[in-house]
Amino acid sequence: MSWLFLGLISVLLLGCYDVSRKFALEGNAVLPVLFLSTIFGLSCMIPFVVLTHFNPVLAKNFGMFTDAISLRAHLQIILKAVIVSGSWVAAYSAMKHLPISVASPIRASQPFFTVIAAITIFGETPTTIQWGGLVIMLVSYYAFAVAGRSEGISFRNNPWV
């Protein structure tokens, strides 16, 4: 299967996810929607944990085995969960209060900031193609800002942006 086809499927599914999230937030508070979203995601993992507990051999055979982890690993996961939860609260709040045509592209900017963090914190050096991708992302973000202005949204003074 071609990477282009998989990329298009990913874009379609992410678009459906953003639209369904926007509908879920209409008339509802952010935290209950986020809580229920997290609970439904967790419910997908529970069968793997239960199967591993009661029949680890079968879980390994089906590639569903979940390893036990140390207290330190649990604490690291909790720290990551706090960071990700803060990000999700901000993203859900933006989705609730902004048009989807503005909120989705802002959310799509996360990979750009991840790359910038990798460069500044870890000293990574992107290849020429990766630098080209960063330039394309910056041009796209500028285009989104122009589109947002045409919808009456100021990117400088809007707290949801």
Foldseek 3Di string as FASTA:
>chain_A
DDPVVVVVVVVVVVVVVLVVLLVLLVVHDLVVSVVVVVVVVVVVLVVLVVCCVPPVVVSVVVVSHDDDDDPVVVVVVVVVVVVVVVVSSLLSLLSNPDPSLQSVLVVVCVVLVVVVCCCVPVVDDDDPVVVVVNVVSVVVVVVSCVVCVVVVDHPVPDPSD
